[in-house]
C-alpha atoms as a PDB file:
ATOM      1  CA  MET A   1    -182.157-114.869   8.322  1.00  0.00           C
ATOM      2  CA  GLY A   2    -182.432-118.193   6.519  1.00  0.00           C
ATOM      3  CA  LYS A   3    -179.724-120.469   5.269  1.00  0.00           C
ATOM      4  CA  GLY A   4    -178.124-120.589   1.851  1.00  0.00           C
ATOM      5  CA  ILE A   5    -178.886-123.282  -0.697  1.00  0.00           C
ATOM      6  CA  ARG A   6    -176.304-125.696   0.742  1.00  0.00           C
ATOM      7  CA  GLY A   7    -177.137-124.793   4.335  1.00  0.00           C
ATOM      8  CA  ASP A   8    -174.485-122.103   4.644  1.00  0.00           C
ATOM      9  CA  PRO A   9    -175.481-118.512   5.519  1.00  0.00           C
ATOM     10  CA  PRO A  10    -176.573-116.335   2.588  1.00  0.00           C
ATOM     11  CA  SER A  11    -173.945-114.036   1.092  1.00  0.00           C
ATOM     12  CA  GLU A  12    -173.673-110.372   2.030  1.00  0.00           C
ATOM     13  CA  ALA A  13    -175.081-109.474  -1.393  1.00  0.00           C
ATOM     14  CA  VAL A  14    -178.258-111.423  -0.682  1.00  0.00           C
ATOM     15  CA  ARG A  15    -178.538-110.201   2.918  1.00  0.00           C
ATOM     16  CA  SER A  16    -178.309-106.578   1.819  1.00  0.00           C
ATOM     17  CA  ASN A  17    -180.695-106.928  -1.141  1.00  0.00           C
ATOM     18  CA  PRO A  18    -184.265-107.960  -0.247  1.00  0.00           C
ATOM     19  CA  THR A  19    -185.167-108.375  -3.925  1.00  0.00           C
ATOM     20  CA  ALA A  20    -182.393-110.941  -4.388  1.00  0.00           C
ATOM     21  CA  LYS A  21    -183.720-112.917  -1.413  1.00  0.00           C
ATOM     22  CA  VAL A  22    -187.257-112.962  -2.848  1.00  0.00           C
ATOM     23  CA  VAL A  23    -185.998-114.032  -6.281  1.00  0.00           C
ATOM     24  CA  LEU A  24    -183.751-116.775  -4.879  1.00  0.00           C
ATOM     25  CA  ASP A  25    -186.498-118.061  -2.569  1.00  0.00           C
ATOM     26  CA  HIS A  26    -188.847-118.220  -5.556  1.00  0.00           C
ATOM     27  CA  MET A  27    -186.277-120.092  -7.652  1.00  0.00           C
ATOM     28  CA  ILE A  28    -185.746-122.607  -4.841  1.00  0.00           C
ATOM     29  CA  ARG A  29    -189.505-123.192  -4.444  1.00  0.00           C
ATOM     30  CA  GLU A  30    -189.966-123.627  -8.194  1.00  0.00           C
ATOM     31  CA  SER A  31    -187.052-126.070  -8.325  1.00  0.00           C
ATOM     32  CA  GLU A  32    -188.505-128.110  -5.455  1.00  0.00           C
ATOM     33  CA  TYR A  33    -191.870-128.162  -7.251  1.00  0.00           C
ATOM     34  CA  PHE A  34    -190.239-129.356 -10.481  1.00  0.00           C
ATOM     35  CA  VAL A  35    -188.313-132.103  -8.655  1.00  0.00           C
ATOM     36  CA  GLY A  36    -191.558-133.260  -7.023  1.00  0.00           C
ATOM     37  CA  ILE A  37    -193.328-133.490 -10.382  1.00  0.00           C
ATOM     38  CA  ALA A  38    -190.375-135.343 -11.940  1.00  0.00           C
ATOM     39  CA  GLN A  39    -190.288-137.815  -9.051  1.00  0.00           C
ATOM     40  CA  ALA A  40    -194.019-138.447  -9.337  1.00  0.00           C
ATOM     41  CA  LEU A  41    -193.721-139.108 -13.064  1.00  0.00           C
ATOM     42  CA  LEU A  42    -190.747-141.415 -12.617  1.00  0.00           C
ATOM     43  CA  TYR A  43    -192.510-143.299  -9.823  1.00  0.00           C
ATOM     44  CA  GLN A  44    -195.542-143.847 -12.074  1.00  0.00           C
ATOM     45  CA  GLN A  45    -193.304-145.338 -14.749  1.00  0.00           C
ATOM     46  CA  THR A  46    -191.776-147.890 -12.355  1.00  0.00           C
ATOM     47  CA  THR A  47    -195.091-149.229 -11.026  1.00  0.00           C
END
C-alpha cells in the first residue's frame, strides 16, 4: 500500500477502510492541484 502524507505508512484505520483511502487520495490530489494553480498565479505576478 502507499505511503502516508508525510511518507510514513498509512494508519490502521486507513488501511482497513477503503473509502477512507479513496477520500484521502482525492484530498491530496485536490491539494496538489490547488498548490499548482497558486504557484502559477504567483509566478505570473513576479514576471
